[in-house]
N, C-alpha and C. Protein backbone atom coordinates (compact mmCIF):
# COMPACT_ATOMS: atom_id res chain seq x y z
N MET A 1 114.26 46.85 102.14
CA MET A 1 114.10 45.93 101.04
C MET A 1 115.41 45.20 100.75
N GLY A 2 116.55 45.90 100.79
CA GLY A 2 117.82 45.30 100.47
C GLY A 2 118.54 44.71 101.67
N GLU A 3 117.96 44.83 102.84
CA GLU A 3 118.62 44.33 104.05
C GLU A 3 118.43 42.83 104.20
N LEU A 4 119.47 42.16 104.64
CA LEU A 4 119.41 40.72 104.84
C LEU A 4 119.50 40.46 106.35
N GLY A 5 118.36 40.39 106.99
CA GLY A 5 118.31 40.20 108.43
C GLY A 5 118.31 38.74 108.81
N ILE A 6 118.28 38.50 110.11
CA ILE A 6 118.29 37.14 110.66
C ILE A 6 117.08 36.36 110.17
N ASP A 7 115.91 36.99 110.12
CA ASP A 7 114.70 36.29 109.71
C ASP A 7 114.80 35.81 108.25
N LYS A 8 115.39 36.61 107.37
CA LYS A 8 115.54 36.21 105.97
C LYS A 8 116.59 35.12 105.81
N ILE A 9 117.65 35.20 106.59
CA ILE A 9 118.69 34.17 106.54
C ILE A 9 118.12 32.82 106.99
N LEU A 10 117.35 32.83 108.08
CA LEU A 10 116.73 31.59 108.56
C LEU A 10 115.74 31.03 107.55
N LEU A 11 115.01 31.90 106.87
CA LEU A 11 114.07 31.45 105.85
C LEU A 11 114.81 30.79 104.69
N ILE A 12 115.92 31.38 104.26
CA ILE A 12 116.72 30.81 103.16
C ILE A 12 117.31 29.46 103.58
N LEU A 13 117.84 29.38 104.80
CA LEU A 13 118.40 28.12 105.29
C LEU A 13 117.33 27.04 105.41
N GLY A 14 116.14 27.41 105.87
CA GLY A 14 115.04 26.45 105.96
C GLY A 14 114.61 25.95 104.59
N ALA A 15 114.55 26.83 103.61
CA ALA A 15 114.19 26.41 102.26
C ALA A 15 115.26 25.48 101.68
N ALA A 16 116.54 25.78 101.93
CA ALA A 16 117.62 24.91 101.45
C ALA A 16 117.53 23.54 102.11
N LEU A 17 117.21 23.50 103.38
CA LEU A 17 117.07 22.23 104.10
C LEU A 17 115.94 21.40 103.52
N LEU A 18 114.83 22.04 103.19
CA LEU A 18 113.70 21.32 102.59
C LEU A 18 114.02 20.83 101.18
N LEU A 19 114.71 21.65 100.41
CA LEU A 19 115.02 21.29 99.02
C LEU A 19 116.05 20.18 98.92
N PHE A 20 117.13 20.29 99.67
CA PHE A 20 118.26 19.38 99.49
C PHE A 20 118.35 18.28 100.55
N GLY A 21 117.79 18.48 101.69
CA GLY A 21 117.89 17.48 102.75
C GLY A 21 119.14 17.71 103.59
N ALA A 22 119.13 17.18 104.80
CA ALA A 22 120.22 17.41 105.76
C ALA A 22 121.51 16.74 105.33
N LYS A 23 121.44 15.62 104.64
CA LYS A 23 122.66 14.90 104.25
C LYS A 23 123.36 15.56 103.06
N ARG A 24 122.61 16.22 102.23
CA ARG A 24 123.19 16.78 101.00
C ARG A 24 123.81 18.17 101.22
N ILE A 25 123.38 18.94 102.20
CA ILE A 25 123.86 20.30 102.41
C ILE A 25 125.37 20.34 102.70
N PRO A 26 125.95 19.49 103.57
CA PRO A 26 127.41 19.54 103.76
C PRO A 26 128.19 19.23 102.48
N GLU A 27 127.63 18.34 101.65
CA GLU A 27 128.28 18.00 100.38
C GLU A 27 128.28 19.21 99.44
N ILE A 28 127.17 19.92 99.39
CA ILE A 28 127.08 21.11 98.55
C ILE A 28 128.02 22.19 99.05
N ALA A 29 128.07 22.39 100.37
CA ALA A 29 128.96 23.40 100.94
C ALA A 29 130.42 23.06 100.67
N GLY A 30 130.78 21.77 100.75
CA GLY A 30 132.15 21.35 100.47
C GLY A 30 132.52 21.61 99.01
N SER A 31 131.60 21.32 98.10
CA SER A 31 131.85 21.59 96.68
C SER A 31 132.01 23.08 96.43
N PHE A 32 131.20 23.87 97.08
CA PHE A 32 131.29 25.33 96.95
C PHE A 32 132.64 25.83 97.46
N GLY A 33 133.10 25.32 98.59
CA GLY A 33 134.40 25.71 99.14
C GLY A 33 135.55 25.31 98.23
N LYS A 34 135.48 24.11 97.65
CA LYS A 34 136.52 23.67 96.71
C LYS A 34 136.56 24.56 95.49
N GLY A 35 135.40 24.96 95.02
CA GLY A 35 135.34 25.84 93.85
C GLY A 35 135.97 27.19 94.14
N ILE A 36 135.71 27.73 95.31
CA ILE A 36 136.30 29.02 95.69
C ILE A 36 137.81 28.89 95.82
N ARG A 37 138.29 27.80 96.42
CA ARG A 37 139.74 27.58 96.55
C ARG A 37 140.42 27.48 95.19
N GLU A 38 139.81 26.73 94.27
CA GLU A 38 140.37 26.60 92.92
C GLU A 38 140.42 27.95 92.22
N PHE A 39 139.34 28.73 92.38
CA PHE A 39 139.29 30.05 91.76
C PHE A 39 140.41 30.94 92.29
N LYS A 40 140.60 30.98 93.61
CA LYS A 40 141.66 31.80 94.21
C LYS A 40 143.03 31.32 93.77
N LYS A 41 143.23 30.00 93.70
CA LYS A 41 144.51 29.45 93.28
C LYS A 41 144.83 29.87 91.85
N ASN A 42 143.84 29.77 90.97
CA ASN A 42 144.05 30.16 89.58
C ASN A 42 144.29 31.66 89.45
N MET A 43 143.63 32.45 90.25
CA MET A 43 143.86 33.90 90.20
C MET A 43 145.27 34.24 90.66
N ASN A 44 145.79 33.53 91.66
CA ASN A 44 147.16 33.78 92.12
C ASN A 44 148.18 33.33 91.09
N GLU A 45 147.88 32.26 90.33
CA GLU A 45 148.80 31.79 89.30
C GLU A 45 148.89 32.79 88.15
N ILE A 46 147.79 33.43 87.83
CA ILE A 46 147.79 34.41 86.75
C ILE A 46 148.62 35.62 87.15
N GLY A 47 148.52 36.04 88.40
CA GLY A 47 149.29 37.18 88.89
C GLY A 47 148.53 38.49 88.71
N ALA A 48 149.17 39.53 89.12
CA ALA A 48 148.56 40.85 89.02
C ALA A 48 148.57 41.31 87.56
N PRO A 49 147.52 41.98 87.14
CA PRO A 49 147.49 42.45 85.76
C PRO A 49 148.52 43.55 85.53
N GLU A 50 149.04 43.60 84.30
CA GLU A 50 150.01 44.63 83.96
C GLU A 50 149.30 45.96 83.79
N PRO A 51 149.98 47.06 84.09
CA PRO A 51 149.36 48.36 83.87
C PRO A 51 149.14 48.58 82.38
N PRO A 52 148.17 49.40 82.00
CA PRO A 52 147.91 49.62 80.59
C PRO A 52 149.13 50.23 79.89
N GLN A 53 149.32 49.83 78.64
CA GLN A 53 150.47 50.32 77.89
C GLN A 53 150.22 51.74 77.44
N GLN A 54 151.29 52.48 77.34
CA GLN A 54 151.22 53.88 76.95
C GLN A 54 151.15 53.97 75.43
N LEU A 55 150.26 54.78 74.92
CA LEU A 55 150.17 55.00 73.50
C LEU A 55 151.16 56.08 73.08
N GLY A 56 151.74 55.90 71.92
CA GLY A 56 152.69 56.88 71.42
C GLY A 56 154.11 56.53 71.84
N PRO A 57 155.06 57.42 71.55
CA PRO A 57 156.45 57.14 71.90
C PRO A 57 156.65 57.17 73.42
N PRO A 58 157.60 56.39 73.93
CA PRO A 58 157.85 56.41 75.37
C PRO A 58 158.43 57.73 75.81
N ARG A 59 158.07 58.12 77.02
CA ARG A 59 158.58 59.38 77.57
C ARG A 59 159.94 59.16 78.21
N ALA A 60 160.77 60.18 78.15
CA ALA A 60 162.11 60.10 78.75
C ALA A 60 161.98 60.20 80.27
N THR A 61 162.83 59.48 80.98
CA THR A 61 162.84 59.53 82.44
C THR A 61 163.69 60.72 82.89
N ASP A 62 163.88 60.83 84.19
CA ASP A 62 164.64 61.96 84.73
C ASP A 62 166.05 62.03 84.16
N ASP A 63 166.69 60.89 83.96
CA ASP A 63 168.06 60.91 83.47
C ASP A 63 168.13 60.73 81.95
N SER A 64 167.02 60.99 81.27
CA SER A 64 166.92 60.97 79.81
C SER A 64 167.24 59.61 79.20
N ARG A 65 167.08 58.55 79.97
CA ARG A 65 167.27 57.20 79.44
C ARG A 65 165.95 56.45 79.53
N VAL A 66 165.67 55.68 78.53
CA VAL A 66 164.47 54.86 78.52
C VAL A 66 164.92 53.42 78.46
N SER A 67 164.52 52.65 79.44
CA SER A 67 164.88 51.24 79.44
C SER A 67 163.61 50.41 79.45
N GLU A 68 163.61 49.39 78.64
CA GLU A 68 162.47 48.50 78.58
C GLU A 68 162.91 47.12 79.03
N ALA A 69 162.25 46.61 80.03
CA ALA A 69 162.56 45.26 80.52
C ALA A 69 161.85 44.26 79.61
N PRO A 70 162.45 43.11 79.38
CA PRO A 70 161.78 42.11 78.54
C PRO A 70 160.51 41.62 79.23
N ARG A 71 159.46 41.48 78.46
CA ARG A 71 158.17 41.05 79.01
C ARG A 71 158.05 39.54 78.91
N PRO A 72 157.50 38.91 79.94
CA PRO A 72 157.29 37.45 79.87
C PRO A 72 156.15 37.15 78.90
N GLU A 73 156.16 35.94 78.39
CA GLU A 73 155.10 35.50 77.49
C GLU A 73 153.80 35.39 78.29
N PRO A 74 152.67 35.78 77.71
CA PRO A 74 151.39 35.64 78.42
C PRO A 74 151.02 34.18 78.59
N LYS A 75 150.39 33.89 79.72
CA LYS A 75 149.98 32.51 79.99
C LYS A 75 148.69 32.21 79.24
N ARG A 76 148.61 31.00 78.73
CA ARG A 76 147.40 30.58 78.03
C ARG A 76 146.40 30.07 79.07
N LEU A 77 145.16 30.48 78.90
CA LEU A 77 144.12 30.08 79.85
C LEU A 77 143.48 28.75 79.46
N ILE A 78 143.63 28.36 78.22
CA ILE A 78 142.99 27.11 77.78
C ILE A 78 144.05 26.12 77.38
C-alpha cells in the first residue's frame, strides 16, 4: 500500500501531463526548483540552531572557571 512503484509513478506523471500540458510542466518544475534553492539558501543564512540553554546556575568547568562568550543578536525573519 505504501510502496511507490514504477506503475504508480507513471500514472502520476500521466495525470500531471493531462492536467497541465506538455508546455507547462517544465515551467512548474523550474518554479519548484527555485523554491527549493531559496529555502536552502535561507536555511544556510539562519545557521545551525543554538543548543538549549541550561536552567539554573552555570556549572563549573574542570578548571573551576566559567566563561560566557557574547551571544550575537538573533536575526529577524520578517
